[in-house]
Protein backbone atom coordinates (compact mmCIF):
# COMPACT_ATOMS: atom_id res chain seq x y z
CA MET A 1 51.02 -12.75 58.77
CA ASN A 2 50.25 -10.45 55.85
CA VAL A 3 46.83 -8.84 55.89
CA THR A 4 45.46 -8.02 52.45
CA PRO A 5 43.21 -4.96 51.98
CA SER A 6 40.27 -7.23 51.18
CA ARG A 7 40.73 -9.18 54.43
CA LEU A 8 41.06 -5.95 56.40
CA ILE A 9 37.88 -4.57 54.85
CA ALA A 10 36.06 -7.85 55.57
CA ALA A 11 37.21 -7.76 59.20
CA LEU A 12 36.08 -4.15 59.59
CA VAL A 13 32.67 -4.99 58.06
CA LEU A 14 32.22 -7.93 60.46
CA SER A 15 33.26 -5.77 63.42
CA ALA A 16 30.88 -2.98 62.42
CA ALA A 17 28.03 -5.44 61.93
CA SER A 18 28.67 -6.99 65.33
CA PHE A 19 28.70 -3.54 67.00
CA ALA A 20 25.50 -2.51 65.22
CA ALA A 21 23.75 -5.69 66.34
CA ALA A 22 24.83 -5.13 69.95
CA ALA A 23 23.63 -1.51 69.93
CA ALA A 24 20.16 -2.05 68.47
CA PRO A 25 16.85 -3.65 69.40
CA ILE A 26 16.54 -7.33 68.57
CA THR A 27 14.37 -8.26 65.62
CA PRO A 28 13.32 -11.79 64.58
CA THR A 29 16.22 -13.37 62.67
CA TYR A 30 16.46 -16.85 61.17
CA THR A 31 17.13 -18.91 58.07
CA THR A 32 13.88 -20.85 58.41
CA PHE A 33 10.95 -20.61 60.82
CA SER A 34 9.92 -24.25 61.00
CA ASN A 35 10.27 -27.53 62.88
CA LEU A 36 13.69 -28.15 64.45
CA ALA A 37 14.13 -31.88 63.90
CA GLY A 38 16.32 -33.63 66.46
CA ALA A 39 15.88 -31.01 69.21
CA THR A 40 14.34 -31.83 72.59
CA PHE A 41 15.32 -28.68 74.52
CA SER A 42 16.30 -31.16 77.27
CA GLY A 43 12.67 -31.88 78.09
CA SER A 44 9.91 -34.32 77.35
CA GLY A 45 7.20 -33.25 74.92
CA ILE A 46 8.45 -29.67 74.43
CA PRO A 47 7.19 -28.42 71.03
CA THR A 48 9.87 -27.84 68.39
CA ASP A 49 7.59 -26.41 65.68
CA PRO A 50 8.00 -23.62 64.88
CA THR A 51 11.56 -22.67 65.81
CA ALA A 52 13.65 -19.79 64.49
CA ILE A 53 16.49 -21.78 62.90
CA THR A 54 19.72 -20.31 61.57
CA THR A 55 22.33 -22.45 59.81
CA PHE A 56 25.91 -21.37 59.16
CA LEU A 57 28.99 -23.00 57.57
CA THR A 58 32.00 -22.49 59.86
CA ASP A 59 35.61 -22.01 58.75
CA SER A 60 36.38 -25.54 59.97
CA GLY A 61 33.84 -26.93 57.49
CA SER A 62 31.15 -27.88 59.97
CA THR A 63 27.52 -26.85 59.81
CA LEU A 64 26.33 -24.82 62.78
CA THR A 65 22.64 -24.79 63.72
CA LEU A 66 21.14 -22.21 66.08
CA GLY A 67 17.54 -22.55 67.26
CA LEU A 68 15.27 -20.38 69.42
CA THR A 69 11.60 -20.78 70.24
CA ALA A 70 9.02 -20.04 72.95
CA THR A 71 6.66 -22.67 74.35
CA GLN A 72 3.97 -23.10 76.97
CA ARG A 73 5.04 -24.26 80.43
CA TYR A 74 3.43 -27.57 81.37
CA ASN A 75 -0.36 -27.28 80.90
CA ALA A 76 -0.42 -23.52 80.24
CA PRO A 77 -2.10 -22.12 77.09
CA VAL A 78 -0.29 -22.93 73.85
CA LEU A 79 1.57 -19.97 72.35
CA GLY A 80 0.48 -18.61 68.99
CA ASN A 81 2.83 -17.05 66.46
CA ASN A 82 2.71 -14.84 63.39
CA GLY A 83 4.83 -17.16 61.26
CA LYS A 84 7.61 -14.53 61.28
CA GLY A 85 9.47 -15.08 64.55
CA THR A 86 7.06 -13.43 67.00
CA PHE A 87 5.25 -15.57 69.57
CA PHE A 88 2.10 -14.62 71.52
CA ALA A 89 1.88 -15.68 75.16
CA THR A 90 -0.70 -15.37 77.93
CA PRO A 91 0.23 -13.28 81.00
CA GLY A 92 0.16 -15.02 84.35
CA GLY A 93 2.08 -17.54 86.40
CA THR A 94 3.26 -17.86 89.97
CA LEU A 95 5.07 -15.47 92.29
CA SER A 96 6.59 -17.91 94.75
CA PRO A 97 8.56 -19.26 93.04
CA LEU A 98 8.47 -16.68 90.26
CA ARG A 99 7.48 -18.40 87.02
CA SER A 100 5.65 -17.31 83.86
CA LEU A 101 3.28 -19.49 81.84
CA TRP A 102 5.82 -19.76 79.02
CA ASN A 103 9.46 -20.72 78.50
CA PHE A 104 12.12 -19.77 75.98
CA ASP A 105 14.05 -22.68 74.49
CA PHE A 106 17.47 -22.72 72.80
CA TYR A 107 19.54 -25.16 70.76
CA VAL A 108 23.11 -25.08 69.38
CA HIS A 109 24.51 -27.94 67.31
CA ASP A 110 27.81 -28.31 65.46
CA SER A 111 28.05 -31.12 62.93
CA LEU A 112 31.65 -31.86 64.02
CA ASN A 113 30.19 -32.87 67.41
CA SER A 114 32.47 -30.55 69.34
CA LEU A 115 31.48 -26.94 69.94
CA ASP A 116 34.91 -26.17 71.38
CA ALA A 117 36.85 -27.49 68.36
CA THR A 118 35.65 -24.72 66.04
CA GLY A 119 37.06 -21.89 68.17
CA MET A 120 33.64 -20.25 68.28
CA THR A 121 31.75 -18.97 71.30
CA TYR A 122 28.03 -18.60 71.91
CA LYS A 123 25.89 -16.22 73.95
CA LEU A 124 22.20 -16.18 74.79
CA PHE A 125 20.73 -12.70 75.26
CA TYR A 126 17.48 -12.42 77.21
CA ASP A 127 15.17 -9.53 77.99
CA SER A 128 13.19 -9.26 81.24
CA ASN A 129 12.05 -5.66 80.62
CA PRO A 130 8.43 -5.58 79.35
CA GLY A 131 9.05 -2.43 77.30
CA VAL A 132 9.13 -2.79 73.53
CA HIS A 133 12.32 -2.53 71.44
CA THR A 134 14.72 -3.22 74.31
CA ASP A 135 18.28 -2.50 73.16
CA GLN A 136 20.49 -5.58 73.09
CA SER A 137 23.27 -3.64 74.84
CA SER A 138 21.07 -3.32 77.96
CA MET A 139 20.09 -6.99 78.09
CA ASN A 140 21.64 -9.73 80.19
CA SER A 141 23.43 -12.64 78.58
CA PHE A 142 25.30 -15.80 79.45
CA ALA A 143 27.78 -17.99 77.61
CA LEU A 144 26.83 -21.47 76.43
CA ILE A 145 29.58 -23.99 77.15
CA SER A 146 29.72 -27.61 76.03
CA SER A 147 32.48 -30.04 75.07
CA MET A 148 29.92 -32.00 73.06
CA GLY A 149 28.37 -31.09 69.75
CA THR A 150 25.00 -30.00 71.15
CA VAL A 151 23.84 -27.74 73.94
CA GLN A 152 20.12 -27.12 74.52
CA ASP A 153 17.70 -26.28 77.31
CA SER A 154 14.39 -24.68 78.24
CA TYR A 155 14.41 -21.69 80.60
CA ASN A 156 11.85 -19.42 82.22
CA LEU A 157 12.46 -15.70 82.76
CA GLY A 158 11.57 -16.38 86.39
CA PHE A 159 14.87 -18.30 86.64
CA MET A 160 16.95 -15.43 85.32
CA PRO A 161 18.39 -12.30 86.99
CA PRO A 162 16.42 -9.18 85.96
CA SER A 163 17.76 -6.94 83.20
CA GLY A 164 16.80 -3.30 83.73
CA ALA A 165 13.44 -4.11 85.33
CA ALA A 166 12.20 -6.89 87.60
CA PHE A 167 10.36 -9.52 85.59
CA ASP A 168 6.60 -9.61 86.25
CA PRO A 169 4.88 -12.65 84.70
CA PHE A 170 1.49 -10.93 85.02
CA ALA A 171 2.50 -7.85 83.02
CA ASN A 172 1.78 -7.33 79.34
CA GLY A 173 4.88 -6.60 77.31
CA GLU A 174 7.41 -7.61 74.69
CA TYR A 175 10.44 -9.76 75.43
CA SER A 176 13.41 -10.29 73.10
CA PHE A 177 15.81 -13.22 72.82
CA ALA A 178 18.89 -13.77 70.67
CA LEU A 179 21.25 -16.72 70.34
CA VAL A 180 24.52 -15.42 68.86
CA ALA A 181 27.62 -17.20 67.54
CA TYR A 182 31.03 -15.47 67.49
CA ASN A 183 34.21 -16.53 65.71
CA ALA A 184 37.62 -16.85 67.37
CA ALA A 185 38.24 -13.13 66.79
CA GLY A 186 35.06 -12.23 68.71
CA SER A 187 33.06 -11.07 65.70
CA GLU A 188 29.44 -12.11 65.33
CA VAL A 189 28.93 -14.57 62.48
CA ALA A 190 25.39 -15.89 63.00
CA ARG A 191 22.32 -15.41 65.13
CA SER A 192 18.80 -16.65 65.73
CA ALA A 193 16.38 -14.21 67.37
CA ILE A 194 12.71 -14.12 68.42
CA LEU A 195 10.20 -11.85 70.15
CA VAL A 196 7.58 -12.92 72.70
CA ASP A 197 4.53 -10.64 72.88
CA VAL A 198 2.68 -11.20 76.16
CA GLY A 199 -0.96 -10.20 76.54
CA ASN A 200 -1.42 -8.82 73.03
CA ALA A 201 -3.27 -11.18 70.71
CA ASP A 202 -2.35 -11.36 67.03
CA VAL A 203 -5.30 -9.25 65.85
CA PRO A 204 -5.96 -8.24 62.22
CA GLU A 205 -4.74 -4.85 61.04
CA PRO A 206 -7.40 -2.11 60.49
CA ALA A 207 -7.33 -2.68 56.72
CA SER A 208 -7.93 -6.40 57.23
CA ILE A 209 -10.79 -5.64 59.60
CA ALA A 210 -12.35 -3.32 57.00
CA LEU A 211 -12.08 -5.98 54.31
CA LEU A 212 -13.67 -8.51 56.65
CA GLY A 213 -16.53 -6.08 57.30
CA PHE A 214 -17.11 -5.58 53.59
CA GLY A 215 -17.08 -9.33 53.09
CA LEU A 216 -19.66 -9.95 55.81
CA ALA A 217 -21.85 -7.16 54.44
CA GLY A 218 -21.66 -8.73 50.98
CA LEU A 219 -22.68 -12.13 52.35
CA GLY A 220 -25.64 -10.52 54.10
CA PHE A 221 -26.76 -8.82 50.88
CA MET A 222 -26.50 -12.05 48.88
CA ARG A 223 -28.49 -13.91 51.54
CA ARG A 224 -31.30 -11.35 51.52
CA LYS A 225 -31.37 -11.41 47.69
CA ALA A 226 -31.62 -15.22 47.70
CA GLN A 227 -34.51 -15.13 50.19
CA LYS A 228 -36.44 -12.73 47.95
C-alpha cells in the first residue's frame, strides 16, 4: 500500500497526540457536559445528568459516544459540579468492605450496535492516588470488551486495585478518570475525561468573595438610608 506524505504526517500527528495524552495529567474533556439520554450505567436510578459526553464519527461511518460521570452511592450526599467536568464529593465510606460514598460511571455506545465491528478498542483509566494532577501514565486501566453496541457500568474505587497509593475513602484529594477510544492502529481518536474533587467544596474565588462583600455592604447602606 502506498503511503502519501499527507497520510504519514497525519499518522505521526495522531501518534504524537496519543503519546502526549498518555504522558500528561488528565483534564476534563468532552463534547458536551449534559444529560446522557439512554444511559443507565447498569443500575436503577443512577443520575445521568450531567455527564461528560464525547461523540466521534468512526471510519466505518458509525457514531461513537463516550460518557463519564460521578454519582453518589445509594443514599450518600449528592455530588456537586462546576459545570466544566469537575465533580465535588464528600469524603467517607466504609473500610470493610472498602467503599467510598461516590461512584464513577462509564458508557460506550456505537451506533452500528457492535463495538467489535469497528476495529476500535477502549480503555478506562482510573486514579486512586489522592494527589492532584496524577499523570495518566502512572494510572491503572482496563479494557472494555463487548460484542454488543453498548457497554456501561458503575464502579467504586474501593473495587479497584490501587494505582500508586492505596485508596482511602476518608481522605481529601483529587481523582482523575478517562475513557479513551483507539483505532485499529492503536492511536487515540477520542476521549471523555472528568475529575472528582473530594472534600473541597466549590467555593468562590477571592475576587468573587470581594465582589460579594461589596454587594452586601451596598445593600446595608441602602437599607440604612431608607430607614432614615
